[in-house]
N, C-alpha and C. Protein backbone atom coordinates (compact mmCIF):
# COMPACT_ATOMS: atom_id res chain seq x y z
N MET A 1 1.26 6.70 -15.04
CA MET A 1 1.09 7.65 -13.97
C MET A 1 2.45 8.22 -13.58
N SER A 2 2.46 9.49 -13.37
CA SER A 2 3.71 10.13 -12.96
C SER A 2 3.86 10.08 -11.45
N GLU A 3 5.08 10.27 -11.02
CA GLU A 3 5.34 10.36 -9.59
C GLU A 3 4.65 11.58 -9.01
N ASP A 4 4.36 12.56 -9.87
CA ASP A 4 3.64 13.75 -9.42
C ASP A 4 2.33 13.37 -8.74
N LYS A 5 1.57 12.46 -9.36
CA LYS A 5 0.28 12.08 -8.79
C LYS A 5 0.49 11.36 -7.47
N ARG A 6 1.43 10.46 -7.42
CA ARG A 6 1.72 9.72 -6.18
C ARG A 6 2.05 10.71 -5.06
N HIS A 7 2.90 11.68 -5.35
CA HIS A 7 3.30 12.66 -4.34
C HIS A 7 2.13 13.59 -3.98
N PHE A 8 1.34 13.96 -4.96
CA PHE A 8 0.18 14.81 -4.72
C PHE A 8 -0.80 14.12 -3.78
N VAL A 9 -1.12 12.86 -4.09
CA VAL A 9 -2.06 12.11 -3.26
C VAL A 9 -1.48 11.91 -1.86
N ALA A 10 -0.21 11.60 -1.77
CA ALA A 10 0.43 11.41 -0.46
C ALA A 10 0.36 12.69 0.36
N SER A 11 0.65 13.80 -0.26
CA SER A 11 0.61 15.08 0.45
C SER A 11 -0.80 15.40 0.94
N ARG A 12 -1.77 15.18 0.08
CA ARG A 12 -3.16 15.45 0.47
C ARG A 12 -3.63 14.49 1.56
N LEU A 13 -3.20 13.23 1.49
CA LEU A 13 -3.56 12.29 2.54
C LEU A 13 -2.93 12.71 3.88
N ASP A 14 -1.73 13.25 3.83
CA ASP A 14 -1.11 13.76 5.06
C ASP A 14 -2.01 14.80 5.71
N GLY A 15 -2.58 15.68 4.89
CA GLY A 15 -3.49 16.71 5.41
C GLY A 15 -4.76 16.11 5.99
N LEU A 16 -5.31 15.10 5.30
CA LEU A 16 -6.52 14.45 5.80
C LEU A 16 -6.24 13.71 7.11
N ILE A 17 -5.08 13.10 7.20
CA ILE A 17 -4.69 12.40 8.43
C ILE A 17 -4.59 13.40 9.57
N HIS A 18 -4.02 14.55 9.31
CA HIS A 18 -3.93 15.59 10.33
C HIS A 18 -5.33 16.01 10.79
N THR A 19 -6.24 16.19 9.86
CA THR A 19 -7.63 16.54 10.20
C THR A 19 -8.25 15.46 11.06
N LEU A 20 -8.04 14.21 10.70
CA LEU A 20 -8.61 13.11 11.46
C LEU A 20 -7.98 13.00 12.85
N GLU A 21 -6.71 13.32 12.96
CA GLU A 21 -6.07 13.29 14.28
C GLU A 21 -6.67 14.35 15.20
N LEU A 22 -7.04 15.49 14.62
CA LEU A 22 -7.62 16.57 15.42
C LEU A 22 -9.11 16.38 15.69
N GLN A 23 -9.79 15.72 14.77
CA GLN A 23 -11.25 15.58 14.86
C GLN A 23 -11.69 14.13 14.71
N ALA A 24 -11.04 13.24 15.40
CA ALA A 24 -11.37 11.82 15.28
C ALA A 24 -12.82 11.57 15.70
N PRO A 25 -13.62 11.01 14.81
CA PRO A 25 -15.02 10.75 15.15
C PRO A 25 -15.16 9.54 16.07
N THR A 26 -16.21 9.54 16.86
CA THR A 26 -16.53 8.36 17.65
C THR A 26 -17.24 7.37 16.73
N GLU A 27 -17.59 6.23 17.28
CA GLU A 27 -18.27 5.21 16.47
C GLU A 27 -19.60 5.71 15.91
N ARG A 28 -20.23 6.63 16.61
CA ARG A 28 -21.55 7.11 16.20
C ARG A 28 -21.50 8.37 15.35
N GLU A 29 -20.34 8.94 15.18
CA GLU A 29 -20.22 10.18 14.42
C GLU A 29 -19.68 9.90 13.02
N PRO A 30 -20.10 10.71 12.06
CA PRO A 30 -19.55 10.56 10.71
C PRO A 30 -18.12 11.11 10.66
N SER A 31 -17.37 10.64 9.72
CA SER A 31 -16.01 11.13 9.53
C SER A 31 -16.04 12.56 9.02
N PRO A 32 -15.11 13.40 9.47
CA PRO A 32 -15.04 14.76 8.93
C PRO A 32 -14.43 14.79 7.52
N VAL A 33 -13.98 13.63 7.05
CA VAL A 33 -13.34 13.52 5.74
C VAL A 33 -14.31 12.85 4.76
N PRO A 34 -14.70 13.55 3.70
CA PRO A 34 -15.58 12.93 2.71
C PRO A 34 -14.88 11.75 2.01
N THR A 35 -15.62 10.67 1.82
CA THR A 35 -15.05 9.48 1.17
C THR A 35 -16.03 8.93 0.14
N ALA A 36 -15.52 8.00 -0.66
CA ALA A 36 -16.33 7.33 -1.68
C ALA A 36 -15.80 5.91 -1.85
N ASN A 37 -16.46 5.15 -2.66
CA ASN A 37 -16.02 3.80 -3.04
C ASN A 37 -15.82 2.87 -1.85
N GLY A 38 -16.64 3.03 -0.82
CA GLY A 38 -16.56 2.12 0.32
C GLY A 38 -15.53 2.49 1.37
N PHE A 39 -14.80 3.57 1.19
CA PHE A 39 -13.84 3.99 2.21
C PHE A 39 -14.63 4.50 3.42
N THR A 40 -14.09 4.28 4.62
CA THR A 40 -14.81 4.64 5.84
C THR A 40 -14.47 6.03 6.36
N GLY A 41 -13.32 6.56 5.98
CA GLY A 41 -12.90 7.85 6.49
C GLY A 41 -12.28 7.78 7.87
N SER A 42 -11.89 6.58 8.29
CA SER A 42 -11.27 6.45 9.61
C SER A 42 -9.79 6.83 9.55
N LEU A 43 -9.25 7.20 10.68
CA LEU A 43 -7.83 7.55 10.77
C LEU A 43 -6.96 6.36 10.37
N ALA A 44 -7.28 5.19 10.90
CA ALA A 44 -6.48 4.00 10.59
C ALA A 44 -6.48 3.70 9.09
N GLU A 45 -7.62 3.84 8.46
CA GLU A 45 -7.70 3.57 7.02
C GLU A 45 -6.87 4.58 6.24
N ALA A 46 -6.98 5.85 6.59
CA ALA A 46 -6.21 6.88 5.89
C ALA A 46 -4.71 6.65 6.08
N GLN A 47 -4.30 6.27 7.28
CA GLN A 47 -2.89 5.98 7.54
C GLN A 47 -2.43 4.78 6.73
N ARG A 48 -3.27 3.78 6.62
CA ARG A 48 -2.93 2.58 5.84
C ARG A 48 -2.78 2.94 4.36
N HIS A 49 -3.70 3.75 3.86
CA HIS A 49 -3.61 4.17 2.46
C HIS A 49 -2.34 4.99 2.22
N ARG A 50 -2.01 5.85 3.17
CA ARG A 50 -0.80 6.67 3.04
C ARG A 50 0.44 5.79 2.97
N ALA A 51 0.52 4.80 3.84
CA ALA A 51 1.67 3.89 3.85
C ALA A 51 1.73 3.07 2.56
N GLU A 52 0.59 2.72 2.05
CA GLU A 52 0.50 1.89 0.85
C GLU A 52 0.98 2.63 -0.41
N LEU A 53 0.88 3.94 -0.41
CA LEU A 53 1.21 4.72 -1.62
C LEU A 53 2.64 4.52 -2.10
N GLU A 54 3.56 4.36 -1.20
CA GLU A 54 4.98 4.26 -1.59
C GLU A 54 5.24 3.12 -2.56
N SER A 55 4.51 2.02 -2.41
CA SER A 55 4.75 0.86 -3.28
C SER A 55 3.52 0.49 -4.12
N ALA A 56 2.52 1.34 -4.13
CA ALA A 56 1.28 1.04 -4.85
C ALA A 56 1.48 1.12 -6.36
N THR A 57 0.75 0.28 -7.06
CA THR A 57 0.73 0.35 -8.52
C THR A 57 0.01 1.63 -8.92
N PRO A 58 0.21 2.08 -10.15
CA PRO A 58 -0.53 3.26 -10.61
C PRO A 58 -2.05 3.09 -10.48
N ALA A 59 -2.55 1.89 -10.75
CA ALA A 59 -3.99 1.66 -10.62
C ALA A 59 -4.44 1.81 -9.18
N ARG A 60 -3.63 1.33 -8.24
CA ARG A 60 -3.99 1.45 -6.83
C ARG A 60 -3.93 2.90 -6.36
N VAL A 61 -2.97 3.66 -6.86
CA VAL A 61 -2.92 5.10 -6.53
C VAL A 61 -4.21 5.76 -7.01
N ASP A 62 -4.66 5.41 -8.21
CA ASP A 62 -5.91 5.95 -8.73
C ASP A 62 -7.10 5.57 -7.85
N GLU A 63 -7.13 4.31 -7.37
CA GLU A 63 -8.21 3.85 -6.49
C GLU A 63 -8.21 4.62 -5.17
N ILE A 64 -7.04 4.80 -4.62
CA ILE A 64 -6.94 5.54 -3.35
C ILE A 64 -7.40 6.97 -3.55
N ALA A 65 -6.93 7.62 -4.60
CA ALA A 65 -7.34 9.00 -4.88
C ALA A 65 -8.85 9.09 -5.06
N ALA A 66 -9.43 8.14 -5.78
CA ALA A 66 -10.88 8.15 -6.04
C ALA A 66 -11.68 7.96 -4.76
N GLY A 67 -11.10 7.31 -3.77
CA GLY A 67 -11.79 7.09 -2.50
C GLY A 67 -11.93 8.34 -1.65
N TYR A 68 -11.20 9.37 -2.01
CA TYR A 68 -11.26 10.65 -1.30
C TYR A 68 -11.62 11.72 -2.33
N PRO A 69 -12.92 12.03 -2.47
CA PRO A 69 -13.38 12.92 -3.55
C PRO A 69 -12.65 14.27 -3.62
N GLU A 70 -12.27 14.83 -2.48
CA GLU A 70 -11.57 16.11 -2.52
C GLU A 70 -10.21 15.98 -3.21
N ILE A 71 -9.53 14.86 -2.96
CA ILE A 71 -8.24 14.64 -3.59
C ILE A 71 -8.43 14.45 -5.10
N ALA A 72 -9.39 13.62 -5.47
CA ALA A 72 -9.64 13.36 -6.90
C ALA A 72 -10.01 14.65 -7.63
N LYS A 73 -10.85 15.47 -7.01
CA LYS A 73 -11.27 16.74 -7.63
C LYS A 73 -10.08 17.68 -7.78
N ASP A 74 -9.28 17.81 -6.73
CA ASP A 74 -8.13 18.71 -6.79
C ASP A 74 -7.10 18.24 -7.81
N TRP A 75 -6.91 16.93 -7.94
CA TRP A 75 -5.98 16.40 -8.93
C TRP A 75 -6.48 16.72 -10.34
N ALA A 76 -7.77 16.52 -10.56
CA ALA A 76 -8.35 16.79 -11.89
C ALA A 76 -8.21 18.28 -12.22
N GLU A 77 -8.44 19.14 -11.24
CA GLU A 77 -8.31 20.57 -11.48
C GLU A 77 -6.85 20.95 -11.79
N LYS A 78 -5.94 20.30 -11.09
CA LYS A 78 -4.52 20.57 -11.32
C LYS A 78 -4.12 20.18 -12.75
N GLN A 79 -4.70 19.13 -13.27
CA GLN A 79 -4.38 18.65 -14.61
C GLN A 79 -4.91 19.57 -15.70
N THR A 80 -5.98 20.31 -15.40
CA THR A 80 -6.55 21.21 -16.41
C THR A 80 -6.00 22.63 -16.29
N ALA A 81 -5.26 22.89 -15.23
CA ALA A 81 -4.71 24.25 -15.02
C ALA A 81 -3.50 24.51 -15.87
């Protein structure tokens, strides 16, 4: 994995964190951020994933990206462009 992917995912997570800060859901509301693989879409979780990226293994970066379908889709599109 290149540092490009790590930086791409980090940048996109920054955007998702900003969205969550502006539109934080209550306990009864769904997250405004689409997620997969058991991720909850909470602000705390996104912040934790963002912090984890700096020292994450390439496999963990892939797991984090896969947990946010928009990030995974945009990364795949970037690779084919």
